[in-house]
PDB file of N, CA and C in Angstrom:
ATOM      1  N   MET A   1     -22.303 -74.450  22.136  1.00  0.00           N
ATOM      2  CA  MET A   1     -21.294 -74.468  23.177  1.00  0.00           C
ATOM      3  C   MET A   1     -19.889 -74.577  22.568  1.00  0.00           C
ATOM      4  N   HIS A   2     -19.741 -75.490  21.591  1.00  0.00           N
ATOM      5  CA  HIS A   2     -18.441 -75.679  20.957  1.00  0.00           C
ATOM      6  C   HIS A   2     -18.018 -74.432  20.181  1.00  0.00           C
ATOM      7  N   ALA A   3     -18.959 -73.783  19.518  1.00  0.00           N
ATOM      8  CA  ALA A   3     -18.641 -72.568  18.749  1.00  0.00           C
ATOM      9  C   ALA A   3     -18.159 -71.456  19.674  1.00  0.00           C
ATOM     10  N   THR A   4     -18.717 -71.391  20.867  1.00  0.00           N
ATOM     11  CA  THR A   4     -18.290 -70.368  21.815  1.00  0.00           C
ATOM     12  C   THR A   4     -16.847 -70.599  22.226  1.00  0.00           C
ATOM     13  N   ARG A   5     -16.498 -71.846  22.515  1.00  0.00           N
ATOM     14  CA  ARG A   5     -15.114 -72.132  22.892  1.00  0.00           C
ATOM     15  C   ARG A   5     -14.164 -71.854  21.742  1.00  0.00           C
ATOM     16  N   LEU A   6     -14.596 -72.172  20.521  1.00  0.00           N
ATOM     17  CA  LEU A   6     -13.764 -71.907  19.361  1.00  0.00           C
ATOM     18  C   LEU A   6     -13.551 -70.410  19.173  1.00  0.00           C
ATOM     19  N   SER A   7     -14.604 -69.613  19.338  1.00  0.00           N
ATOM     20  CA  SER A   7     -14.440 -68.165  19.178  1.00  0.00           C
ATOM     21  C   SER A   7     -13.542 -67.594  20.269  1.00  0.00           C
ATOM     22  N   VAL A   8     -13.620 -68.136  21.473  1.00  0.00           N
ATOM     23  CA  VAL A   8     -12.734 -67.675  22.549  1.00  0.00           C
ATOM     24  C   VAL A   8     -11.285 -68.016  22.222  1.00  0.00           C
ATOM     25  N   LYS A   9     -11.067 -69.221  21.704  1.00  0.00           N
ATOM     26  CA  LYS A   9      -9.705 -69.617  21.328  1.00  0.00           C
ATOM     27  C   LYS A   9      -9.180 -68.754  20.188  1.00  0.00           C
ATOM     28  N   LEU A  10     -10.033 -68.486  19.192  1.00  0.00           N
ATOM     29  CA  LEU A  10      -9.590 -67.643  18.083  1.00  0.00           C
ATOM     30  C   LEU A  10      -9.248 -66.240  18.569  1.00  0.00           C
ATOM     31  N   LYS A  11     -10.068 -65.688  19.448  1.00  0.00           N
ATOM     32  CA  LYS A  11      -9.758 -64.371  20.006  1.00  0.00           C
ATOM     33  C   LYS A  11      -8.429 -64.404  20.729  1.00  0.00           C
ATOM     34  N   ARG A  12      -8.210 -65.476  21.452  1.00  0.00           N
ATOM     35  CA  ARG A  12      -6.999 -65.589  22.249  1.00  0.00           C
ATOM     36  C   ARG A  12      -5.749 -65.668  21.378  1.00  0.00           C
ATOM     37  N   TYR A  13      -5.833 -66.385  20.249  1.00  0.00           N
ATOM     38  CA  TYR A  13      -4.662 -66.557  19.404  1.00  0.00           C
ATOM     39  C   TYR A  13      -4.428 -65.403  18.442  1.00  0.00           C
ATOM     40  N   PHE A  14      -5.466 -64.680  18.069  1.00  0.00           N
ATOM     41  CA  PHE A  14      -5.305 -63.657  17.045  1.00  0.00           C
ATOM     42  C   PHE A  14      -5.298 -62.230  17.565  1.00  0.00           C
ATOM     43  N   PHE A  15      -5.821 -61.981  18.744  1.00  0.00           N
ATOM     44  CA  PHE A  15      -5.936 -60.603  19.228  1.00  0.00           C
ATOM     45  C   PHE A  15      -5.290 -60.468  20.600  1.00  0.00           C
ATOM     46  N   LEU A  16      -4.371 -59.542  20.707  1.00  0.00           N
ATOM     47  CA  LEU A  16      -3.685 -59.323  21.984  1.00  0.00           C
ATOM     48  C   LEU A  16      -4.537 -58.542  22.977  1.00  0.00           C
ATOM     49  N   GLY A  17      -5.571 -57.889  22.507  1.00  0.00           N
ATOM     50  CA  GLY A  17      -6.366 -57.027  23.376  1.00  0.00           C
ATOM     51  C   GLY A  17      -7.049 -57.748  24.515  1.00  0.00           C
ATOM     52  N   TRP A  18      -7.305 -59.043  24.380  1.00  0.00           N
ATOM     53  CA  TRP A  18      -7.981 -59.770  25.454  1.00  0.00           C
ATOM     54  C   TRP A  18      -7.124 -59.821  26.711  1.00  0.00           C
ATOM     55  N   LEU A  19      -5.821 -59.644  26.572  1.00  0.00           N
ATOM     56  CA  LEU A  19      -4.927 -59.696  27.722  1.00  0.00           C
ATOM     57  C   LEU A  19      -4.966 -58.441  28.584  1.00  0.00           C
ATOM     58  N   LEU A  20      -5.246 -57.332  27.960  1.00  0.00           N
ATOM     59  CA  LEU A  20      -5.024 -56.047  28.607  1.00  0.00           C
ATOM     60  C   LEU A  20      -6.234 -55.590  29.403  1.00  0.00           C
ATOM     61  N   GLU A  21      -5.964 -54.887  30.485  1.00  0.00           N
ATOM     62  CA  GLU A  21      -7.014 -54.293  31.304  1.00  0.00           C
ATOM     63  C   GLU A  21      -7.015 -52.795  31.080  1.00  0.00           C
ATOM     64  N   GLN A  22      -8.191 -52.193  31.135  1.00  0.00           N
ATOM     65  CA  GLN A  22      -8.314 -50.745  30.989  1.00  0.00           C
ATOM     66  C   GLN A  22      -7.897 -50.070  32.295  1.00  0.00           C
ATOM     67  N   PRO A  23      -7.060 -49.041  32.230  1.00  0.00           N
ATOM     68  CA  PRO A  23      -6.677 -48.350  33.457  1.00  0.00           C
ATOM     69  C   PRO A  23      -7.858 -47.578  34.045  1.00  0.00           C
ATOM     70  N   HIS A  24      -7.996 -47.639  35.341  1.00  0.00           N
ATOM     71  CA  HIS A  24      -9.009 -46.875  36.051  1.00  0.00           C
ATOM     72  C   HIS A  24      -8.503 -46.629  37.467  1.00  0.00           C
ATOM     73  N   GLY A  25      -9.117 -45.727  38.160  1.00  0.00           N
ATOM     74  CA  GLY A  25      -8.692 -45.420  39.516  1.00  0.00           C
ATOM     75  C   GLY A  25      -7.668 -44.301  39.521  1.00  0.00           C
ATOM     76  N   ASP A  26      -6.891 -44.261  40.592  1.00  0.00           N
ATOM     77  CA  ASP A  26      -5.914 -43.179  40.740  1.00  0.00           C
ATOM     78  C   ASP A  26      -4.664 -43.455  39.907  1.00  0.00           C
ATOM     79  N   VAL A  27      -3.706 -42.566  39.978  1.00  0.00           N
ATOM     80  CA  VAL A  27      -2.492 -42.656  39.161  1.00  0.00           C
ATOM     81  C   VAL A  27      -1.684 -43.904  39.495  1.00  0.00           C
ATOM     82  N   PHE A  28      -1.600 -44.243  40.772  1.00  0.00           N
ATOM     83  CA  PHE A  28      -0.794 -45.393  41.179  1.00  0.00           C
ATOM     84  C   PHE A  28      -1.412 -46.704  40.706  1.00  0.00           C
ATOM     85  N   MET A  29      -2.751 -46.787  40.755  1.00  0.00           N
ATOM     86  CA  MET A  29      -3.428 -47.991  40.270  1.00  0.00           C
ATOM     87  C   MET A  29      -3.274 -48.108  38.758  1.00  0.00           C
ATOM     88  N   ALA A  30      -3.374 -46.990  38.061  1.00  0.00           N
ATOM     89  CA  ALA A  30      -3.210 -47.007  36.608  1.00  0.00           C
ATOM     90  C   ALA A  30      -1.796 -47.436  36.232  1.00  0.00           C
ATOM     91  N   HIS A  31      -0.802 -46.974  36.993  1.00  0.00           N
ATOM     92  CA  HIS A  31       0.579 -47.360  36.729  1.00  0.00           C
ATOM     93  C   HIS A  31       0.775 -48.855  36.984  1.00  0.00           C
ATOM     94  N   ALA A  32       0.209 -49.365  38.067  1.00  0.00           N
ATOM     95  CA  ALA A  32       0.324 -50.798  38.372  1.00  0.00           C
ATOM     96  C   ALA A  32      -0.359 -51.628  37.302  1.00  0.00           C
ATOM     97  N   MET A  33      -1.511 -51.164  36.816  1.00  0.00           N
ATOM     98  CA  MET A  33      -2.221 -51.885  35.772  1.00  0.00           C
ATOM     99  C   MET A  33      -1.425 -51.867  34.471  1.00  0.00           C
ATOM    100  N   ARG A  34      -0.802 -50.738  34.165  1.00  0.00           N
ATOM    101  CA  ARG A  34       0.017 -50.630  32.956  1.00  0.00           C
ATOM    102  C   ARG A  34       1.213 -51.584  33.048  1.00  0.00           C
ATOM    103  N   GLN A  35       1.807 -51.671  34.250  1.00  0.00           N
ATOM    104  CA  GLN A  35       2.931 -52.594  34.447  1.00  0.00           C
ATOM    105  C   GLN A  35       2.468 -54.043  34.292  1.00  0.00           C
ATOM    106  N   GLY A  36       1.286 -54.355  34.814  1.00  0.00           N
ATOM    107  CA  GLY A  36       0.739 -55.701  34.655  1.00  0.00           C
ATOM    108  C   GLY A  36       0.470 -56.026  33.201  1.00  0.00           C
ATOM    109  N   ASN A  37      -0.061 -55.059  32.457  1.00  0.00           N
ATOM    110  CA  ASN A  37      -0.294 -55.257  31.026  1.00  0.00           C
ATOM    111  C   ASN A  37       1.013 -55.499  30.290  1.00  0.00           C
ATOM    112  N   ARG A  38       2.030 -54.756  30.664  1.00  0.00           N
ATOM    113  CA  ARG A  38       3.346 -54.917  30.030  1.00  0.00           C
ATOM    114  C   ARG A  38       3.902 -56.319  30.299  1.00  0.00           C
ATOM    115  N   ASP A  39       3.749 -56.785  31.535  1.00  0.00           N
ATOM    116  CA  ASP A  39       4.233 -58.129  31.863  1.00  0.00           C
ATOM    117  C   ASP A  39       3.467 -59.206  31.111  1.00  0.00           C
ATOM    118  N   ARG A  40       2.155 -59.037  30.987  1.00  0.00           N
ATOM    119  CA  ARG A  40       1.351 -60.011  30.247  1.00  0.00           C
ATOM    120  C   ARG A  40       1.766 -60.053  28.768  1.00  0.00           C
ATOM    121  N   LEU A  41       1.993 -58.885  28.199  1.00  0.00           N
ATOM    122  CA  LEU A  41       2.427 -58.844  26.792  1.00  0.00           C
ATOM    123  C   LEU A  41       3.795 -59.482  26.621  1.00  0.00           C
ATOM    124  N   ARG A  42       4.686 -59.230  27.559  1.00  0.00           N
ATOM    125  CA  ARG A  42       6.033 -59.806  27.482  1.00  0.00           C
ATOM    126  C   ARG A  42       5.963 -61.336  27.491  1.00  0.00           C
ATOM    127  N   GLN A  43       5.024 -61.891  28.238  1.00  0.00           N
ATOM    128  CA  GLN A  43       4.890 -63.347  28.293  1.00  0.00           C
ATOM    129  C   GLN A  43       4.176 -63.902  27.065  1.00  0.00           C
ATOM    130  N   ALA A  44       3.212 -63.168  26.526  1.00  0.00           N
ATOM    131  CA  ALA A  44       2.369 -63.709  25.459  1.00  0.00           C
ATOM    132  C   ALA A  44       2.930 -63.480  24.051  1.00  0.00           C
ATOM    133  N   LEU A  45       3.757 -62.473  23.862  1.00  0.00           N
ATOM    134  CA  LEU A  45       4.220 -62.143  22.507  1.00  0.00           C
ATOM    135  C   LEU A  45       4.958 -63.280  21.803  1.00  0.00           C
ATOM    136  N   PRO A  46       5.808 -64.053  22.472  1.00  0.00           N
ATOM    137  CA  PRO A  46       6.472 -65.140  21.728  1.00  0.00           C
ATOM    138  C   PRO A  46       5.479 -66.137  21.122  1.00  0.00           C
ATOM    139  N   ARG A  47       4.412 -66.459  21.840  1.00  0.00           N
ATOM    140  CA  ARG A  47       3.410 -67.383  21.317  1.00  0.00           C
ATOM    141  C   ARG A  47       2.668 -66.770  20.133  1.00  0.00           C
ATOM    142  N   TYR A  48       2.322 -65.504  20.240  1.00  0.00           N
ATOM    143  CA  TYR A  48       1.641 -64.830  19.141  1.00  0.00           C
ATOM    144  C   TYR A  48       2.532 -64.759  17.903  1.00  0.00           C
ATOM    145  N   ILE A  49       3.809 -64.551  18.110  1.00  0.00           N
ATOM    146  CA  ILE A  49       4.746 -64.503  16.981  1.00  0.00           C
ATOM    147  C   ILE A  49       4.805 -65.861  16.293  1.00  0.00           C
ATOM    148  N   GLN A  50       4.825 -66.943  17.073  1.00  0.00           N
ATOM    149  CA  GLN A  50       4.834 -68.281  16.480  1.00  0.00           C
ATOM    150  C   GLN A  50       3.575 -68.526  15.659  1.00  0.00           C
ATOM    151  N   VAL A  51       2.421 -68.182  16.214  1.00  0.00           N
ATOM    152  CA  VAL A  51       1.157 -68.414  15.513  1.00  0.00           C
ATOM    153  C   VAL A  51       1.113 -67.626  14.210  1.00  0.00           C
ATOM    154  N   HIS A  52       1.488 -66.349  14.244  1.00  0.00           N
ATOM    155  CA  HIS A  52       1.426 -65.528  13.039  1.00  0.00           C
ATOM    156  C   HIS A  52       2.515 -65.905  12.035  1.00  0.00           C
ATOM    157  N   ALA A  53       3.644 -66.431  12.504  1.00  0.00           N
ATOM    158  CA  ALA A  53       4.666 -66.917  11.574  1.00  0.00           C
ATOM    159  C   ALA A  53       4.162 -68.153  10.838  1.00  0.00           C
ATOM    160  N   ILE A  54       3.454 -69.035  11.542  1.00  0.00           N
ATOM    161  CA  ILE A  54       2.881 -70.217  10.899  1.00  0.00           C
ATOM    162  C   ILE A  54       1.827 -69.799   9.875  1.00  0.00           C
ATOM    163  N   LEU A  55       0.976 -68.834  10.244  1.00  0.00           N
ATOM    164  CA  LEU A  55      -0.042 -68.354   9.305  1.00  0.00           C
ATOM    165  C   LEU A  55       0.588 -67.716   8.068  1.00  0.00           C
ATOM    166  N   ALA A  56       1.621 -66.909   8.269  1.00  0.00           N
ATOM    167  CA  ALA A  56       2.301 -66.283   7.131  1.00  0.00           C
ATOM    168  C   ALA A  56       2.965 -67.340   6.253  1.00  0.00           C
ATOM    169  N   GLY A  57       3.564 -68.351   6.868  1.00  0.00           N
ATOM    170  CA  GLY A  57       4.168 -69.429   6.087  1.00  0.00           C
ATOM    171  C   GLY A  57       3.123 -70.197   5.288  1.00  0.00           C
ATOM    172  N   GLY A  58       1.978 -70.462   5.904  1.00  0.00           N
ATOM    173  CA  GLY A  58       0.901 -71.143   5.192  1.00  0.00           C
ATOM    174  C   GLY A  58       0.390 -70.321   4.024  1.00  0.00           C
ATOM    175  N   LEU A  59       0.264 -69.010   4.230  1.00  0.00           N
ATOM    176  CA  LEU A  59      -0.170 -68.144   3.133  1.00  0.00           C
ATOM    177  C   LEU A  59       0.868 -68.097   2.019  1.00  0.00           C
ATOM    178  N   LEU A  60       2.135 -68.118   2.394  1.00  0.00           N
ATOM    179  CA  LEU A  60       3.192 -68.106   1.377  1.00  0.00           C
ATOM    180  C   LEU A  60       3.165 -69.386   0.542  1.00  0.00           C
ATOM    181  N   VAL A  61       2.949 -70.519   1.195  1.00  0.00           N
ATOM    182  CA  VAL A  61       2.840 -71.790   0.466  1.00  0.00           C
ATOM    183  C   VAL A  61       1.619 -71.755  -0.443  1.00  0.00           C
ATOM    184  N   THR A  62       0.491 -71.261   0.077  1.00  0.00           N
ATOM    185  CA  THR A  62      -0.727 -71.151  -0.730  1.00  0.00           C
ATOM    186  C   THR A  62      -0.500 -70.249  -1.932  1.00  0.00           C
ATOM    187  N   LEU A  63       0.178 -69.126  -1.708  1.00  0.00           N
ATOM    188  CA  LEU A  63       0.440 -68.191  -2.801  1.00  0.00           C
ATOM    189  C   LEU A  63       1.348 -68.821  -3.857  1.00  0.00           C
ATOM    190  N   SER A  64       2.333 -69.594  -3.434  1.00  0.00           N
ATOM    191  CA  SER A  64       3.213 -70.248  -4.415  1.00  0.00           C
ATOM    192  C   SER A  64       2.440 -71.274  -5.243  1.00  0.00           C
ATOM    193  N   ARG A  65       1.479 -71.970  -4.611  1.00  0.00           N
ATOM    194  CA  ARG A  65       0.660 -72.921  -5.373  1.00  0.00           C
ATOM    195  C   ARG A  65      -0.268 -72.195  -6.343  1.00  0.00           C
ATOM    196  N   ILE A  66      -0.767 -71.038  -5.914  1.00  0.00           N
ATOM    197  CA  ILE A  66      -1.622 -70.248  -6.808  1.00  0.00           C
ATOM    198  C   ILE A  66      -0.822 -69.798  -8.030  1.00  0.00           C
ATOM    199  N   TRP A  67       0.422 -69.331  -7.809  1.00  0.00           N
ATOM    200  CA  TRP A  67       1.266 -68.922  -8.929  1.00  0.00           C
ATOM    201  C   TRP A  67       1.583 -70.109  -9.842  1.00  0.00           C
ATOM    202  N   ALA A  68       1.885 -71.254  -9.235  1.00  0.00           N
ATOM    203  CA  ALA A  68       2.268 -72.426 -10.029  1.00  0.00           C
ATOM    204  C   ALA A  68       1.104 -72.945 -10.865  1.00  0.00           C
ATOM    205  N   ASN A  69      -0.104 -72.864 -10.331  1.00  0.00           N
ATOM    206  CA  ASN A  69      -1.270 -73.400 -11.051  1.00  0.00           C
ATOM    207  C   ASN A  69      -1.972 -72.362 -11.912  1.00  0.00           C
ATOM    208  N   ALA A  70      -1.482 -71.146 -11.923  1.00  0.00           N
ATOM    209  CA  ALA A  70      -2.030 -70.048 -12.733  1.00  0.00           C
ATOM    210  C   ALA A  70      -3.531 -69.866 -12.488  1.00  0.00           C
ATOM    211  N   TRP A  71      -3.881 -69.694 -11.220  1.00  0.00           N
ATOM    212  CA  TRP A  71      -5.279 -69.441 -10.864  1.00  0.00           C
ATOM    213  C   TRP A  71      -5.663 -68.029 -11.273  1.00  0.00           C
ATOM    214  N   PRO A  72      -6.938 -67.676 -11.204  1.00  0.00           N
ATOM    215  CA  PRO A  72      -7.360 -66.316 -11.573  1.00  0.00           C
ATOM    216  C   PRO A  72      -6.658 -65.252 -10.725  1.00  0.00           C
ATOM    217  N   TRP A  73      -6.477 -64.079 -11.319  1.00  0.00           N
ATOM    218  CA  TRP A  73      -5.704 -63.037 -10.648  1.00  0.00           C
ATOM    219  C   TRP A  73      -6.389 -62.544  -9.376  1.00  0.00           C
ATOM    220  N   GLY A  74      -7.706 -62.654  -9.281  1.00  0.00           N
ATOM    221  CA  GLY A  74      -8.421 -62.211  -8.076  1.00  0.00           C
ATOM    222  C   GLY A  74      -8.016 -63.014  -6.849  1.00  0.00           C
ATOM    223  N   THR A  75      -7.829 -64.309  -7.031  1.00  0.00           N
ATOM    224  CA  THR A  75      -7.377 -65.174  -5.936  1.00  0.00           C
ATOM    225  C   THR A  75      -5.969 -64.793  -5.509  1.00  0.00           C
ATOM    226  N   GLU A  76      -5.141 -64.496  -6.483  1.00  0.00           N
ATOM    227  CA  GLU A  76      -3.761 -64.104  -6.183  1.00  0.00           C
ATOM    228  C   GLU A  76      -3.718 -62.785  -5.426  1.00  0.00           C
ATOM    229  N   VAL A  77      -4.523 -61.829  -5.835  1.00  0.00           N
ATOM    230  CA  VAL A  77      -4.547 -60.526  -5.164  1.00  0.00           C
ATOM    231  C   VAL A  77      -5.032 -60.672  -3.732  1.00  0.00           C
ATOM    232  N   LEU A  78      -6.066 -61.486  -3.516  1.00  0.00           N
ATOM    233  CA  LEU A  78      -6.583 -61.710  -2.174  1.00  0.00           C
ATOM    234  C   LEU A  78      -5.522 -62.337  -1.277  1.00  0.00           C
ATOM    235  N   CYS A  79      -4.839 -63.324  -1.797  1.00  0.00           N
ATOM    236  CA  CYS A  79      -3.783 -63.985  -1.022  1.00  0.00           C
ATOM    237  C   CYS A  79      -2.617 -63.026  -0.765  1.00  0.00           C
ATOM    238  N   ASP A  80      -2.292 -62.189  -1.752  1.00  0.00           N
ATOM    239  CA  ASP A  80      -1.245 -61.177  -1.551  1.00  0.00           C
ATOM    240  C   ASP A  80      -1.604 -60.221  -0.420  1.00  0.00           C
ATOM    241  N   LEU A  81      -2.849 -59.776  -0.409  1.00  0.00           N
ATOM    242  CA  LEU A  81      -3.286 -58.855   0.639  1.00  0.00           C
ATOM    243  C   LEU A  81      -3.258 -59.510   2.019  1.00  0.00           C
ATOM    244  N   LEU A  82      -3.721 -60.750   2.102  1.00  0.00           N
ATOM    245  CA  LEU A  82      -3.682 -61.463   3.379  1.00  0.00           C
ATOM    246  C   LEU A  82      -2.249 -61.679   3.855  1.00  0.00           C
ATOM    247  N   LEU A  83      -1.366 -62.022   2.925  1.00  0.00           N
ATOM    248  CA  LEU A  83       0.035 -62.228   3.293  1.00  0.00           C
ATOM    249  C   LEU A  83       0.669 -60.920   3.756  1.00  0.00           C
ATOM    250  N   ALA A  84       0.374 -59.821   3.070  1.00  0.00           N
ATOM    251  CA  ALA A  84       0.917 -58.519   3.490  1.00  0.00           C
ATOM    252  C   ALA A  84       0.412 -58.155   4.880  1.00  0.00           C
ATOM    253  N   TRP A  85      -0.864 -58.421   5.140  1.00  0.00           N
ATOM    254  CA  TRP A  85      -1.435 -58.137   6.469  1.00  0.00           C
ATOM    255  C   TRP A  85      -0.741 -58.978   7.543  1.00  0.00           C
ATOM    256  N   GLU A  86      -0.559 -60.273   7.287  1.00  0.00           N
ATOM    257  CA  GLU A  86       0.077 -61.160   8.254  1.00  0.00           C
ATOM    258  C   GLU A  86       1.523 -60.757   8.498  1.00  0.00           C
ATOM    259  N   LEU A  87       2.244 -60.435   7.429  1.00  0.00           N
ATOM    260  CA  LEU A  87       3.637 -60.029   7.599  1.00  0.00           C
ATOM    261  C   LEU A  87       3.740 -58.715   8.354  1.00  0.00           C
ATOM    262  N   GLY A  88       2.795 -57.808   8.120  1.00  0.00           N
ATOM    263  CA  GLY A  88       2.774 -56.557   8.882  1.00  0.00           C
ATOM    264  C   GLY A  88       2.548 -56.804  10.365  1.00  0.00           C
ATOM    265  N   GLN A  89       1.588 -57.678  10.687  1.00  0.00           N
ATOM    266  CA  GLN A  89       1.352 -58.001  12.097  1.00  0.00           C
ATOM    267  C   GLN A  89       2.563 -58.684  12.707  1.00  0.00           C
ATOM    268  N   LEU A  90       3.174 -59.580  11.962  1.00  0.00           N
ATOM    269  CA  LEU A  90       4.356 -60.279  12.458  1.00  0.00           C
ATOM    270  C   LEU A  90       5.495 -59.304  12.724  1.00  0.00           C
ATOM    271  N   PHE A  91       5.687 -58.352  11.823  1.00  0.00           N
ATOM    272  CA  PHE A  91       6.739 -57.350  11.994  1.00  0.00           C
ATOM    273  C   PHE A  91       6.500 -56.508  13.248  1.00  0.00           C
ATOM    274  N   VAL A  92       5.264 -56.072  13.451  1.00  0.00           N
ATOM    275  CA  VAL A  92       4.939 -55.258  14.631  1.00  0.00           C
ATOM    276  C   VAL A  92       5.176 -56.050  15.912  1.00  0.00           C
ATOM    277  N   MET A  93       4.776 -57.317  15.923  1.00  0.00           N
ATOM    278  CA  MET A  93       4.957 -58.131  17.126  1.00  0.00           C
ATOM    279  C   MET A  93       6.423 -58.412  17.408  1.00  0.00           C
ATOM    280  N   VAL A  94       7.203 -58.660  16.366  1.00  0.00           N
ATOM    281  CA  VAL A  94       8.638 -58.884  16.572  1.00  0.00           C
ATOM    282  C   VAL A  94       9.293 -57.612  17.103  1.00  0.00           C
ATOM    283  N   CYS A  95       8.891 -56.452  16.584  1.00  0.00           N
ATOM    284  CA  CYS A  95       9.429 -55.185  17.103  1.00  0.00           C
ATOM    285  C   CYS A  95       9.033 -54.978  18.556  1.00  0.00           C
ATOM    286  N   GLY A  96       7.808 -55.327  18.900  1.00  0.00           N
ATOM    287  CA  GLY A  96       7.365 -55.214  20.290  1.00  0.00           C
ATOM    288  C   GLY A  96       8.156 -56.127  21.204  1.00  0.00           C
ATOM    289  N   LEU A  97       8.380 -57.360  20.776  1.00  0.00           N
ATOM    290  CA  LEU A  97       9.161 -58.290  21.585  1.00  0.00           C
ATOM    291  C   LEU A  97      10.594 -57.807  21.728  1.00  0.00           C
ATOM    292  N   LEU A  98      11.159 -57.277  20.660  1.00  0.00           N
ATOM    293  CA  LEU A  98      12.507 -56.729  20.727  1.00  0.00           C
ATOM    294  C   LEU A  98      12.574 -55.554  21.697  1.00  0.00           C
ATOM    295  N   ALA A  99      11.555 -54.714  21.662  1.00  0.00           N
ATOM    296  CA  ALA A  99      11.517 -53.576  22.599  1.00  0.00           C
ATOM    297  C   ALA A  99      11.428 -54.063  24.037  1.00  0.00           C
ATOM    298  N   PHE A 100      10.642 -55.109  24.296  1.00  0.00           N
ATOM    299  CA  PHE A 100      10.549 -55.636  25.652  1.00  0.00           C
ATOM    300  C   PHE A 100      11.866 -56.232  26.119  1.00  0.00           C
ATOM    301  N   HIS A 101      12.624 -56.846  25.211  1.00  0.00           N
ATOM    302  CA  HIS A 101      13.905 -57.433  25.593  1.00  0.00           C
ATOM    303  C   HIS A 101      14.994 -56.370  25.755  1.00  0.00           C
ATOM    304  N   LEU A 102      14.881 -55.269  25.020  1.00  0.00           N
ATOM    305  CA  LEU A 102      15.887 -54.202  25.140  1.00  0.00           C
ATOM    306  C   LEU A 102      15.571 -53.246  26.271  1.00  0.00           C
ATOM    307  N   GLU A 103      14.338 -53.243  26.757  1.00  0.00           N
ATOM    308  CA  GLU A 103      13.937 -52.302  27.802  1.00  0.00           C
ATOM    309  C   GLU A 103      14.801 -52.369  29.064  1.00  0.00           C
ATOM    310  N   PRO A 104      15.137 -53.563  29.582  1.00  0.00           N
ATOM    311  CA  PRO A 104      15.999 -53.596  30.774  1.00  0.00           C
ATOM    312  C   PRO A 104      17.387 -53.006  30.531  1.00  0.00           C
ATOM    313  N   LEU A 105      17.851 -53.057  29.290  1.00  0.00           N
ATOM    314  CA  LEU A 105      19.169 -52.507  28.976  1.00  0.00           C
ATOM    315  C   LEU A 105      19.178 -50.976  29.029  1.00  0.00           C
ATOM    316  N   MET A 106      18.017 -50.369  28.859  1.00  0.00           N
ATOM    317  CA  MET A 106      17.924 -48.915  28.839  1.00  0.00           C
ATOM    318  C   MET A 106      17.904 -48.299  30.240  1.00  0.00           C
ATOM    319  N   ASP A 107      17.595 -49.129  31.246  1.00  0.00           N
ATOM    320  CA  ASP A 107      17.526 -48.589  32.615  1.00  0.00           C
ATOM    321  C   ASP A 107      18.872 -48.332  33.235  1.00  0.00           C
TER     322      ASP A 107
END
């Protein structure tokens, strides 16, 4: 039971897809669903950015300790790859949030 709640929480914090609904029905329903998805993302992105910024910061601290202690290069490469992945996700989310904030200015 506890593992199920933990997996639900992990999905919630790491993947934005749980928020979105698949469009179905006619054009007007699909448009309304797309608008609802956009609103959900606009509300959730700041929290996701905070979580991924904390993860990237933790990886950066871990990587600095690996460099300082001269651990094997395989550990360093793994941490480098994880940090690059986290920074990439963080960059995409920040761009998405920026697009949501600039969208009203374009109308």
